Amino acid sequence: SDDQWINICSDESKISFDFHIKPLIRIILLYSPKKSDLILFCHHMFCDGMSVAYLARDLMQVFGNPNKKLKYYLHHLC
């Protein structure tokens, strides 16, 4: 339904992040042939509001151009 994302956001917001086991970001795709929603949940220790906006922008660019070759950069944290 058009408002399914509201229920998903409500449920997901009640699930705490486990810093020792799971990633500090959850990405949920609600797919429908007519309309799809992408929901990003990130812990504030992992990213700020601008980082999430840039991630959403980059994901939308990839989804909009699925045949475009991507450059991947791997950064190692010590």
Protein backbone atom coordinates (compact mmCIF):
# COMPACT_ATOMS: atom_id res chain seq x y z
CA SER A 1 0.00 0.00 0.00
CA ASP A 2 1.02 3.63 -0.33
CA ASP A 3 1.57 4.00 3.40
CA GLN A 4 3.35 0.69 4.08
CA TRP A 5 6.61 2.60 4.55
CA ILE A 6 5.13 4.31 7.62
CA ASN A 7 4.59 0.97 9.37
CA ILE A 8 8.05 -0.25 8.38
CA CYS A 9 9.69 2.94 9.69
CA SER A 10 7.75 2.66 12.93
CA ASP A 11 8.80 -0.98 13.40
CA GLU A 12 12.44 -0.39 12.42
CA SER A 13 12.80 2.62 14.71
CA LYS A 14 12.09 0.33 17.66
CA ILE A 15 15.02 -1.99 16.81
CA SER A 16 18.26 -0.87 18.38
CA PHE A 17 21.59 -1.15 16.60
CA ASP A 18 23.92 -3.86 17.87
CA PHE A 19 27.37 -2.27 17.71
CA HIS A 20 29.25 -5.54 18.13
CA ILE A 21 27.49 -7.79 15.62
CA LYS A 22 25.48 -5.97 12.97
CA PRO A 23 26.19 -2.98 10.70
CA LEU A 24 25.21 0.51 11.84
CA ILE A 25 23.06 0.95 8.75
CA ARG A 26 19.94 -0.85 7.58
CA ILE A 27 18.62 -0.47 4.05
CA ILE A 28 15.11 -1.68 3.31
CA LEU A 29 13.62 -1.89 -0.17
CA LEU A 30 9.84 -2.03 -0.42
CA TYR A 31 9.39 -3.19 -3.99
CA SER A 32 6.28 -2.97 -6.10
CA PRO A 33 5.92 -2.94 -9.89
CA LYS A 34 4.07 0.39 -9.58
CA LYS A 35 6.03 2.13 -6.84
CA SER A 36 8.99 1.23 -4.68
CA ASP A 37 10.40 2.82 -1.55
CA LEU A 38 13.95 2.73 -0.24
CA ILE A 39 14.34 3.26 3.50
CA LEU A 40 17.71 4.05 5.07
CA PHE A 41 18.26 3.67 8.81
CA CYS A 42 21.66 4.79 10.06
CA HIS A 43 23.00 5.27 13.54
CA HIS A 44 24.21 8.82 14.17
CA MET A 45 27.61 7.43 15.23
CA PHE A 46 27.98 6.00 11.73
CA CYS A 47 26.87 8.95 9.63
CA ASP A 48 25.32 12.38 9.84
CA GLY A 49 22.39 13.83 7.94
CA MET A 50 24.49 14.97 4.99
CA SER A 51 26.14 11.54 4.66
CA VAL A 52 22.72 9.90 4.42
CA ALA A 53 21.63 12.46 1.83
CA TYR A 54 24.76 11.76 -0.25
CA LEU A 55 24.21 8.01 0.06
CA ALA A 56 20.59 8.36 -1.07
CA ARG A 57 21.68 10.53 -4.00
CA ASP A 58 24.36 8.05 -5.05
CA LEU A 59 21.97 5.11 -4.78
CA MET A 60 19.38 6.90 -6.90
CA GLN A 61 22.02 7.61 -9.55
CA VAL A 62 22.96 3.94 -9.66
CA PHE A 63 19.32 2.86 -9.85
CA GLY A 64 18.68 5.41 -12.60
CA ASN A 65 21.68 4.25 -14.67
CA PRO A 66 22.04 0.50 -14.02
CA ASN A 67 24.39 -0.06 -16.99
CA LYS A 68 26.84 2.69 -16.03
CA LYS A 69 30.25 1.39 -14.97
CA LEU A 70 31.04 2.23 -11.36
CA LYS A 71 34.30 3.07 -9.68
CA TYR A 72 34.80 1.40 -6.34
CA TYR A 73 37.14 2.73 -3.70
CA LEU A 74 38.14 0.63 -0.74
CA HIS A 75 39.21 2.43 2.40
CA HIS A 76 40.76 0.55 5.29
CA LEU A 77 40.29 1.80 8.80
CA CYS A 78 42.92 1.04 11.43
